[in-house]
Protein backbone atom coordinates (compact mmCIF):
# COMPACT_ATOMS: atom_id res chain seq x y z
CA MET A 1 31.95 -45.32 -26.47
CA GLU A 2 29.02 -46.24 -24.52
CA LYS A 3 25.51 -46.86 -25.68
CA LYS A 4 23.88 -45.80 -22.87
CA VAL A 5 24.28 -43.73 -19.54
CA ILE A 6 21.54 -44.75 -16.69
CA VAL A 7 22.44 -41.71 -14.52
CA ASN A 8 20.61 -41.81 -10.70
CA PHE A 9 18.97 -38.48 -10.46
CA ASN A 10 19.08 -38.81 -6.75
CA ASP A 11 22.81 -38.67 -6.44
CA VAL A 12 23.08 -36.50 -9.67
CA LEU A 13 26.31 -34.24 -9.00
CA SER A 14 28.34 -37.19 -7.82
CA GLU A 15 26.57 -38.93 -11.07
CA LEU A 16 27.78 -36.22 -13.25
CA GLU A 17 31.36 -35.99 -11.84
CA LYS A 18 32.18 -39.98 -11.85
CA LYS A 19 30.94 -40.57 -15.30
CA LYS A 20 32.47 -37.46 -16.65
CA ILE A 21 29.38 -36.39 -18.37
CA LYS A 22 27.38 -32.95 -18.60
CA LEU A 23 23.52 -32.37 -18.61
CA CYS A 24 22.53 -30.81 -22.24
CA PHE A 25 19.30 -29.20 -23.20
CA LEU A 26 18.37 -28.90 -26.48
CA ARG A 27 15.74 -26.04 -27.94
CA GLY A 28 12.49 -27.98 -28.56
CA LYS A 29 14.32 -31.59 -27.99
CA GLY A 30 14.65 -31.86 -23.93
CA LEU A 31 17.23 -32.85 -22.07
CA PHE A 32 19.81 -35.13 -23.08
CA ILE A 33 23.60 -36.09 -21.61
CA GLU A 34 26.70 -34.93 -22.90
CA ASP A 35 29.95 -37.24 -22.50
CA GLU A 36 33.45 -36.42 -22.24
CA HIS A 37 33.75 -36.98 -26.18
CA LYS A 38 30.89 -34.29 -26.85
CA GLU A 39 28.57 -37.43 -27.88
CA LEU A 40 24.93 -37.05 -27.24
CA TYR A 41 22.43 -39.46 -25.14
CA GLN A 42 18.74 -39.30 -25.15
CA MET A 43 16.48 -39.65 -22.68
CA GLU A 44 14.35 -42.93 -22.44
CA MET A 45 11.17 -42.69 -24.43
CA HIS A 46 8.23 -42.54 -21.25
CA ARG A 47 10.48 -39.63 -19.21
CA HIS A 48 11.08 -37.28 -22.25
CA SER A 49 8.57 -34.96 -20.65
CA SER A 50 10.17 -34.61 -16.90
CA CYS A 51 11.11 -31.70 -15.89
CA LEU A 52 14.71 -31.60 -14.31
CA ASP A 53 13.13 -30.57 -11.12
CA LYS A 54 11.12 -33.66 -10.47
CA LEU A 55 13.51 -35.80 -11.65
CA ILE A 56 15.74 -34.93 -8.99
CA GLU A 57 13.48 -34.66 -6.17
CA GLU A 58 11.91 -37.97 -6.84
CA GLY A 59 15.11 -39.83 -7.12
CA VAL A 60 15.03 -41.62 -10.32
CA SER A 61 17.39 -43.43 -12.19
CA VAL A 62 17.19 -42.58 -15.77
CA GLU A 63 18.61 -44.52 -18.85
CA PHE A 64 19.76 -42.36 -21.58
CA ASN A 65 20.67 -43.73 -25.16
CA VAL A 66 23.57 -43.02 -27.60
CA VAL A 67 22.56 -40.60 -30.48
CA GLU A 68 23.70 -41.82 -33.69
CA ASN A 69 23.05 -40.29 -36.81
CA PHE A 70 21.70 -36.96 -35.12
CA VAL A 71 19.27 -35.56 -37.76
CA GLY A 72 20.08 -31.62 -38.35
CA VAL A 73 22.86 -30.00 -37.14
CA ILE A 74 23.04 -28.09 -33.72
CA ASN A 75 23.88 -24.74 -33.57
CA ASP A 76 25.53 -23.63 -30.37
CA TRP A 77 22.59 -21.33 -29.63
CA GLU A 78 20.39 -24.45 -29.72
CA LYS A 79 22.50 -26.09 -27.05
CA GLU A 80 22.59 -25.28 -23.31
CA VAL A 81 24.96 -27.50 -21.34
CA TRP A 82 24.96 -27.69 -17.38
CA SER A 83 28.23 -29.16 -15.57
CA VAL A 84 28.59 -29.84 -11.87
CA PRO A 85 28.25 -26.07 -10.99
CA GLU A 86 25.43 -24.95 -12.95
CA VAL A 87 23.34 -28.17 -11.64
CA LYS A 88 24.03 -27.64 -8.23
CA ALA A 89 23.33 -23.56 -8.63
CA PHE A 90 20.12 -24.91 -9.80
CA ILE A 91 19.67 -28.05 -6.88
CA THR A 92 19.97 -24.41 -4.58
CA ARG A 93 17.64 -21.96 -6.56
CA ASN A 94 14.95 -24.26 -6.45
CA ASN A 95 15.01 -25.13 -3.08
CA LEU A 96 15.13 -29.13 -3.82
CA GLN A 97 15.19 -31.69 -1.66
CA MET A 98 17.01 -34.95 -2.67
CA ILE A 99 15.46 -38.20 -1.11
CA SER A 100 17.50 -40.28 0.90
CA SER A 101 18.29 -44.05 -0.77
């Protein structure tokens, strides 16, 4: 298990595919990453209030650190997981433009 995952939101779709991860929104807790082993990774502290559309538009790289001993049980209704199709639909729906590298 990796201790951290860095996601470049300028190329978020290929990052999700290549790293075999999904975006995970936890009710009241923000944006996380879920890997293929269902491990959760939390966004670095100074990015906690960032919105997905801004991360994509600004094309920033964000570090997510593994969550060890997550306090509390996460119910399915508290968790929304997005893979490539959902993120692609979000980008299209919001007319987001990714900046060029």
